[in-house]
Amino acid sequence: MRARELRALTDDELRALVEQGIAETGATSARDLGKVMGWLSPRIRGRADGKVASGLVAQALARADLAAHATEH
């Protein structure tokens, strides 16, 4: 057992990391999910569920993709 356990991330902290990951990787669409998760995974390991994080990334990228298409028309 570790001497010091990591504190679980709150929902707001996880969402903030997701947004930071998208910004840091330059992700713009759902095709970039793996790139964002590669950035995010080491930062949340042991602190948040990867499936939940992946879902949040997918939702955020879908919103970004829709917003980009809406401004094209």
PDB file of N, CA and C in Angstrom:
ATOM      1  N   MET A   1       0.832  -1.182   0.000  1.00  0.00           N
ATOM      2  CA  MET A   1       0.000   0.000   0.000  1.00  0.00           C
ATOM      3  C   MET A   1       0.882   1.252   0.000  1.00  0.00           C
ATOM      4  N   ARG A   2       0.462   2.254  -0.716  1.00  0.00           N
ATOM      5  CA  ARG A   2       1.231   3.487  -0.784  1.00  0.00           C
ATOM      6  C   ARG A   2       1.192   4.228   0.543  1.00  0.00           C
ATOM      7  N   ALA A   3       2.243   4.951   0.801  1.00  0.00           N
ATOM      8  CA  ALA A   3       2.292   5.737   2.037  1.00  0.00           C
ATOM      9  C   ALA A   3       1.253   6.850   2.002  1.00  0.00           C
ATOM     10  N   ARG A   4       1.011   7.362   0.800  1.00  0.00           N
ATOM     11  CA  ARG A   4       0.059   8.458   0.688  1.00  0.00           C
ATOM     12  C   ARG A   4      -0.853   8.192  -0.509  1.00  0.00           C
ATOM     13  N   GLU A   5      -2.124   8.006  -0.272  1.00  0.00           N
ATOM     14  CA  GLU A   5      -3.081   7.749  -1.347  1.00  0.00           C
ATOM     15  C   GLU A   5      -3.463   9.066  -2.027  1.00  0.00           C
ATOM     16  N   LEU A   6      -3.682   8.990  -3.330  1.00  0.00           N
ATOM     17  CA  LEU A   6      -4.122  10.170  -4.071  1.00  0.00           C
ATOM     18  C   LEU A   6      -5.596  10.430  -3.804  1.00  0.00           C
ATOM     19  N   ARG A   7      -5.934  11.682  -3.743  1.00  0.00           N
ATOM     20  CA  ARG A   7      -7.316  12.092  -3.534  1.00  0.00           C
ATOM     21  C   ARG A   7      -8.078  11.981  -4.858  1.00  0.00           C
ATOM     22  N   ALA A   8      -9.297  11.480  -4.779  1.00  0.00           N
ATOM     23  CA  ALA A   8     -10.133  11.376  -5.978  1.00  0.00           C
ATOM     24  C   ALA A   8     -10.466  12.777  -6.496  1.00  0.00           C
ATOM     25  N   LEU A   9     -10.526  12.886  -7.805  1.00  0.00           N
ATOM     26  CA  LEU A   9     -10.896  14.161  -8.423  1.00  0.00           C
ATOM     27  C   LEU A   9     -12.398  14.389  -8.298  1.00  0.00           C
ATOM     28  N   THR A  10     -12.782  15.633  -8.110  1.00  0.00           N
ATOM     29  CA  THR A  10     -14.203  15.973  -8.140  1.00  0.00           C
ATOM     30  C   THR A  10     -14.644  16.020  -9.603  1.00  0.00           C
ATOM     31  N   ASP A  11     -15.944  16.036  -9.832  1.00  0.00           N
ATOM     32  CA  ASP A  11     -16.463  16.138 -11.203  1.00  0.00           C
ATOM     33  C   ASP A  11     -15.951  17.405 -11.880  1.00  0.00           C
ATOM     34  N   ASP A  12     -15.954  18.512 -11.131  1.00  0.00           N
ATOM     35  CA  ASP A  12     -15.493  19.786 -11.701  1.00  0.00           C
ATOM     36  C   ASP A  12     -14.006  19.746 -12.042  1.00  0.00           C
ATOM     37  N   GLU A  13     -13.200  19.114 -11.187  1.00  0.00           N
ATOM     38  CA  GLU A  13     -11.769  18.996 -11.455  1.00  0.00           C
ATOM     39  C   GLU A  13     -11.519  18.129 -12.688  1.00  0.00           C
ATOM     40  N   LEU A  14     -12.273  17.055 -12.821  1.00  0.00           N
ATOM     41  CA  LEU A  14     -12.127  16.182 -13.983  1.00  0.00           C
ATOM     42  C   LEU A  14     -12.525  16.920 -15.255  1.00  0.00           C
ATOM     43  N   ARG A  15     -13.626  17.643 -15.208  1.00  0.00           N
ATOM     44  CA  ARG A  15     -14.059  18.414 -16.389  1.00  0.00           C
ATOM     45  C   ARG A  15     -13.007  19.451 -16.770  1.00  0.00           C
ATOM     46  N   ALA A  16     -12.412  20.093 -15.772  1.00  0.00           N
ATOM     47  CA  ALA A  16     -11.373  21.095 -16.044  1.00  0.00           C
ATOM     48  C   ALA A  16     -10.155  20.443 -16.702  1.00  0.00           C
ATOM     49  N   LEU A  17      -9.769  19.268 -16.232  1.00  0.00           N
ATOM     50  CA  LEU A  17      -8.649  18.553 -16.844  1.00  0.00           C
ATOM     51  C   LEU A  17      -8.978  18.125 -18.270  1.00  0.00           C
ATOM     52  N   VAL A  18     -10.215  17.713 -18.504  1.00  0.00           N
ATOM     53  CA  VAL A  18     -10.638  17.345 -19.861  1.00  0.00           C
ATOM     54  C   VAL A  18     -10.491  18.557 -20.782  1.00  0.00           C
ATOM     55  N   GLU A  19     -10.981  19.703 -20.353  1.00  0.00           N
ATOM     56  CA  GLU A  19     -10.875  20.918 -21.172  1.00  0.00           C
ATOM     57  C   GLU A  19      -9.420  21.303 -21.392  1.00  0.00           C
ATOM     58  N   GLN A  20      -8.602  21.177 -20.344  1.00  0.00           N
ATOM     59  CA  GLN A  20      -7.182  21.478 -20.479  1.00  0.00           C
ATOM     60  C   GLN A  20      -6.519  20.523 -21.465  1.00  0.00           C
ATOM     61  N   GLY A  21      -6.866  19.247 -21.381  1.00  0.00           N
ATOM     62  CA  GLY A  21      -6.302  18.255 -22.292  1.00  0.00           C
ATOM     63  C   GLY A  21      -6.652  18.535 -23.736  1.00  0.00           C
ATOM     64  N   ILE A  22      -7.878  18.943 -23.975  1.00  0.00           N
ATOM     65  CA  ILE A  22      -8.304  19.281 -25.335  1.00  0.00           C
ATOM     66  C   ILE A  22      -7.511  20.484 -25.842  1.00  0.00           C
ATOM     67  N   ALA A  23      -7.359  21.484 -24.992  1.00  0.00           N
ATOM     68  CA  ALA A  23      -6.600  22.679 -25.381  1.00  0.00           C
ATOM     69  C   ALA A  23      -5.123  22.353 -25.616  1.00  0.00           C
ATOM     70  N   GLU A  24      -4.524  21.589 -24.705  1.00  0.00           N
ATOM     71  CA  GLU A  24      -3.092  21.270 -24.791  1.00  0.00           C
ATOM     72  C   GLU A  24      -2.756  20.428 -26.019  1.00  0.00           C
ATOM     73  N   THR A  25      -3.661  19.535 -26.402  1.00  0.00           N
ATOM     74  CA  THR A  25      -3.389  18.649 -27.542  1.00  0.00           C
ATOM     75  C   THR A  25      -3.860  19.232 -28.868  1.00  0.00           C
ATOM     76  N   GLY A  26      -4.629  20.320 -28.816  1.00  0.00           N
ATOM     77  CA  GLY A  26      -5.143  20.905 -30.049  1.00  0.00           C
ATOM     78  C   GLY A  26      -6.256  20.082 -30.676  1.00  0.00           C
ATOM     79  N   ALA A  27      -6.909  19.253 -29.872  1.00  0.00           N
ATOM     80  CA  ALA A  27      -7.981  18.381 -30.372  1.00  0.00           C
ATOM     81  C   ALA A  27      -9.154  19.213 -30.875  1.00  0.00           C
ATOM     82  N   THR A  28      -9.710  18.781 -32.009  1.00  0.00           N
ATOM     83  CA  THR A  28     -10.824  19.524 -32.595  1.00  0.00           C
ATOM     84  C   THR A  28     -12.026  18.659 -32.941  1.00  0.00           C
ATOM     85  N   SER A  29     -11.848  17.328 -32.923  1.00  0.00           N
ATOM     86  CA  SER A  29     -12.967  16.461 -33.288  1.00  0.00           C
ATOM     87  C   SER A  29     -12.839  15.126 -32.557  1.00  0.00           C
ATOM     88  N   ALA A  30     -13.865  14.297 -32.702  1.00  0.00           N
ATOM     89  CA  ALA A  30     -13.891  12.992 -32.046  1.00  0.00           C
ATOM     90  C   ALA A  30     -12.717  12.116 -32.478  1.00  0.00           C
ATOM     91  N   ARG A  31     -12.159  12.372 -33.634  1.00  0.00           N
ATOM     92  CA  ARG A  31     -10.995  11.604 -34.096  1.00  0.00           C
ATOM     93  C   ARG A  31      -9.787  11.796 -33.176  1.00  0.00           C
ATOM     94  N   ASP A  32      -9.794  12.860 -32.385  1.00  0.00           N
ATOM     95  CA  ASP A  32      -8.675  13.185 -31.499  1.00  0.00           C
ATOM     96  C   ASP A  32      -8.837  12.615 -30.091  1.00  0.00           C
ATOM     97  N   LEU A  33      -9.824  11.763 -29.881  1.00  0.00           N
ATOM     98  CA  LEU A  33     -10.090  11.206 -28.550  1.00  0.00           C
ATOM     99  C   LEU A  33      -8.848  10.531 -27.966  1.00  0.00           C
ATOM    100  N   GLY A  34      -8.167   9.712 -28.746  1.00  0.00           N
ATOM    101  CA  GLY A  34      -6.990   9.000 -28.262  1.00  0.00           C
ATOM    102  C   GLY A  34      -5.864   9.933 -27.856  1.00  0.00           C
ATOM    103  N   LYS A  35      -5.695  11.002 -28.614  1.00  0.00           N
ATOM    104  CA  LYS A  35      -4.660  11.983 -28.307  1.00  0.00           C
ATOM    105  C   LYS A  35      -4.935  12.635 -26.947  1.00  0.00           C
ATOM    106  N   VAL A  36      -6.194  13.005 -26.723  1.00  0.00           N
ATOM    107  CA  VAL A  36      -6.565  13.643 -25.460  1.00  0.00           C
ATOM    108  C   VAL A  36      -6.438  12.653 -24.307  1.00  0.00           C
ATOM    109  N   MET A  37      -6.897  11.427 -24.511  1.00  0.00           N
ATOM    110  CA  MET A  37      -6.805  10.428 -23.442  1.00  0.00           C
ATOM    111  C   MET A  37      -5.350  10.102 -23.121  1.00  0.00           C
ATOM    112  N   GLY A  38      -4.473  10.131 -24.119  1.00  0.00           N
ATOM    113  CA  GLY A  38      -3.049   9.925 -23.875  1.00  0.00           C
ATOM    114  C   GLY A  38      -2.476  11.004 -22.971  1.00  0.00           C
ATOM    115  N   TRP A  39      -2.947  12.216 -23.146  1.00  0.00           N
ATOM    116  CA  TRP A  39      -2.515  13.335 -22.306  1.00  0.00           C
ATOM    117  C   TRP A  39      -3.147  13.229 -20.917  1.00  0.00           C
ATOM    118  N   LEU A  40      -4.418  12.852 -20.880  1.00  0.00           N
ATOM    119  CA  LEU A  40      -5.196  12.864 -19.643  1.00  0.00           C
ATOM    120  C   LEU A  40      -4.905  11.679 -18.718  1.00  0.00           C
ATOM    121  N   SER A  41      -4.716  10.509 -19.278  1.00  0.00           N
ATOM    122  CA  SER A  41      -4.598   9.284 -18.474  1.00  0.00           C
ATOM    123  C   SER A  41      -3.577   9.360 -17.343  1.00  0.00           C
ATOM    124  N   PRO A  42      -2.352   9.792 -17.599  1.00  0.00           N
ATOM    125  CA  PRO A  42      -1.399   9.828 -16.487  1.00  0.00           C
ATOM    126  C   PRO A  42      -1.783  10.841 -15.407  1.00  0.00           C
ATOM    127  N   ARG A  43      -2.560  11.829 -15.760  1.00  0.00           N
ATOM    128  CA  ARG A  43      -2.955  12.858 -14.799  1.00  0.00           C
ATOM    129  C   ARG A  43      -4.125  12.436 -13.911  1.00  0.00           C
ATOM    130  N   ILE A  44      -4.887  11.446 -14.364  1.00  0.00           N
ATOM    131  CA  ILE A  44      -6.049  11.002 -13.578  1.00  0.00           C
ATOM    132  C   ILE A  44      -5.870   9.612 -12.996  1.00  0.00           C
ATOM    133  N   ARG A  45      -4.788   8.930 -13.349  1.00  0.00           N
ATOM    134  CA  ARG A  45      -4.573   7.547 -12.903  1.00  0.00           C
ATOM    135  C   ARG A  45      -4.715   7.445 -11.389  1.00  0.00           C
ATOM    136  N   GLY A  46      -5.609   6.565 -10.959  1.00  0.00           N
ATOM    137  CA  GLY A  46      -5.844   6.356  -9.537  1.00  0.00           C
ATOM    138  C   GLY A  46      -6.712   7.414  -8.892  1.00  0.00           C
ATOM    139  N   ARG A  47      -7.174   8.377  -9.690  1.00  0.00           N
ATOM    140  CA  ARG A  47      -7.956   9.487  -9.133  1.00  0.00           C
ATOM    141  C   ARG A  47      -9.334   9.637  -9.768  1.00  0.00           C
ATOM    142  N   ALA A  48      -9.529   8.987 -10.941  1.00  0.00           N
ATOM    143  CA  ALA A  48     -10.816   9.075 -11.635  1.00  0.00           C
ATOM    144  C   ALA A  48     -10.963   7.863 -12.546  1.00  0.00           C
ATOM    145  N   ASP A  49     -12.183   7.490 -12.840  1.00  0.00           N
ATOM    146  CA  ASP A  49     -12.490   6.363 -13.720  1.00  0.00           C
ATOM    147  C   ASP A  49     -12.201   6.753 -15.168  1.00  0.00           C
ATOM    148  N   GLY A  50     -11.350   5.979 -15.825  1.00  0.00           N
ATOM    149  CA  GLY A  50     -10.990   6.262 -17.205  1.00  0.00           C
ATOM    150  C   GLY A  50     -12.168   6.248 -18.157  1.00  0.00           C
ATOM    151  N   LYS A  51     -13.153   5.379 -17.906  1.00  0.00           N
ATOM    152  CA  LYS A  51     -14.331   5.326 -18.775  1.00  0.00           C
ATOM    153  C   LYS A  51     -15.158   6.603 -18.645  1.00  0.00           C
ATOM    154  N   VAL A  52     -15.264   7.116 -17.437  1.00  0.00           N
ATOM    155  CA  VAL A  52     -15.988   8.374 -17.220  1.00  0.00           C
ATOM    156  C   VAL A  52     -15.242   9.503 -17.929  1.00  0.00           C
ATOM    157  N   ALA A  53     -13.933   9.538 -17.761  1.00  0.00           N
ATOM    158  CA  ALA A  53     -13.124  10.572 -18.403  1.00  0.00           C
ATOM    159  C   ALA A  53     -13.258  10.495 -19.919  1.00  0.00           C
ATOM    160  N   SER A  54     -13.194   9.290 -20.474  1.00  0.00           N
ATOM    161  CA  SER A  54     -13.324   9.108 -21.914  1.00  0.00           C
ATOM    162  C   SER A  54     -14.675   9.615 -22.414  1.00  0.00           C
ATOM    163  N   GLY A  55     -15.717   9.342 -21.651  1.00  0.00           N
ATOM    164  CA  GLY A  55     -17.040   9.835 -22.012  1.00  0.00           C
ATOM    165  C   GLY A  55     -17.115  11.351 -22.014  1.00  0.00           C
ATOM    166  N   LEU A  56     -16.481  11.971 -21.016  1.00  0.00           N
ATOM    167  CA  LEU A  56     -16.465  13.436 -20.955  1.00  0.00           C
ATOM    168  C   LEU A  56     -15.675  14.028 -22.113  1.00  0.00           C
ATOM    169  N   VAL A  57     -14.559  13.388 -22.455  1.00  0.00           N
ATOM    170  CA  VAL A  57     -13.763  13.851 -23.607  1.00  0.00           C
ATOM    171  C   VAL A  57     -14.582  13.734 -24.880  1.00  0.00           C
ATOM    172  N   ALA A  58     -15.243  12.597 -25.070  1.00  0.00           N
ATOM    173  CA  ALA A  58     -16.051  12.387 -26.276  1.00  0.00           C
ATOM    174  C   ALA A  58     -17.162  13.429 -26.378  1.00  0.00           C
ATOM    175  N   GLN A  59     -17.828  13.715 -25.264  1.00  0.00           N
ATOM    176  CA  GLN A  59     -18.898  14.724 -25.267  1.00  0.00           C
ATOM    177  C   GLN A  59     -18.349  16.101 -25.607  1.00  0.00           C
ATOM    178  N   ALA A  60     -17.233  16.465 -24.991  1.00  0.00           N
ATOM    179  CA  ALA A  60     -16.650  17.787 -25.239  1.00  0.00           C
ATOM    180  C   ALA A  60     -16.189  17.918 -26.686  1.00  0.00           C
ATOM    181  N   LEU A  61     -15.584  16.867 -27.231  1.00  0.00           N
ATOM    182  CA  LEU A  61     -15.135  16.924 -28.618  1.00  0.00           C
ATOM    183  C   LEU A  61     -16.311  16.968 -29.586  1.00  0.00           C
ATOM    184  N   ALA A  62     -17.381  16.260 -29.273  1.00  0.00           N
ATOM    185  CA  ALA A  62     -18.575  16.296 -30.121  1.00  0.00           C
ATOM    186  C   ALA A  62     -19.161  17.704 -30.139  1.00  0.00           C
ATOM    187  N   ARG A  63     -19.207  18.339 -28.971  1.00  0.00           N
ATOM    188  CA  ARG A  63     -19.711  19.729 -28.900  1.00  0.00           C
ATOM    189  C   ARG A  63     -18.825  20.658 -29.720  1.00  0.00           C
ATOM    190  N   ALA A  64     -17.513  20.495 -29.597  1.00  0.00           N
ATOM    191  CA  ALA A  64     -16.577  21.337 -30.338  1.00  0.00           C
ATOM    192  C   ALA A  64     -16.732  21.123 -31.838  1.00  0.00           C
ATOM    193  N   ASP A  65     -16.908  19.869 -32.251  1.00  0.00           N
ATOM    194  CA  ASP A  65     -17.071  19.538 -33.665  1.00  0.00           C
ATOM    195  C   ASP A  65     -18.364  20.142 -34.211  1.00  0.00           C
ATOM    196  N   LEU A  66     -19.445  20.040 -33.440  1.00  0.00           N
ATOM    197  CA  LEU A  66     -20.724  20.628 -33.861  1.00  0.00           C
ATOM    198  C   LEU A  66     -20.619  22.147 -33.964  1.00  0.00           C
ATOM    199  N   ALA A  67     -19.957  22.749 -32.988  1.00  0.00           N
ATOM    200  CA  ALA A  67     -19.806  24.203 -33.000  1.00  0.00           C
ATOM    201  C   ALA A  67     -19.003  24.659 -34.207  1.00  0.00           C
ATOM    202  N   ALA A  68     -17.973  23.915 -34.557  1.00  0.00           N
ATOM    203  CA  ALA A  68     -17.152  24.249 -35.720  1.00  0.00           C
ATOM    204  C   ALA A  68     -17.965  24.151 -36.999  1.00  0.00           C
ATOM    205  N   HIS A  69     -18.799  23.132 -37.103  1.00  0.00           N
ATOM    206  CA  HIS A  69     -19.626  22.979 -38.311  1.00  0.00           C
ATOM    207  C   HIS A  69     -20.710  24.044 -38.372  1.00  0.00           C
ATOM    208  N   ALA A  70     -21.219  24.461 -37.230  1.00  0.00           N
ATOM    209  CA  ALA A  70     -22.264  25.488 -37.198  1.00  0.00           C
ATOM    210  C   ALA A  70     -21.718  26.829 -37.680  1.00  0.00           C
ATOM    211  N   THR A  71     -20.460  27.115 -37.405  1.00  0.00           N
ATOM    212  CA  THR A  71     -19.888  28.390 -37.832  1.00  0.00           C
ATOM    213  C   THR A  71     -19.484  28.371 -39.292  1.00  0.00           C
ATOM    214  N   GLU A  72     -19.384  27.191 -39.896  1.00  0.00           N
ATOM    215  CA  GLU A  72     -19.031  27.083 -41.308  1.00  0.00           C
ATOM    216  C   GLU A  72     -20.190  27.470 -42.219  1.00  0.00           C
ATOM    217  N   HIS A  73     -21.408  27.411 -41.709  1.00  0.00           N
ATOM    218  CA  HIS A  73     -22.585  27.655 -42.564  1.00  0.00           C
ATOM    219  C   HIS A  73     -23.139  29.019 -42.395  1.00  0.00           C
TER     220      HIS A  73
END
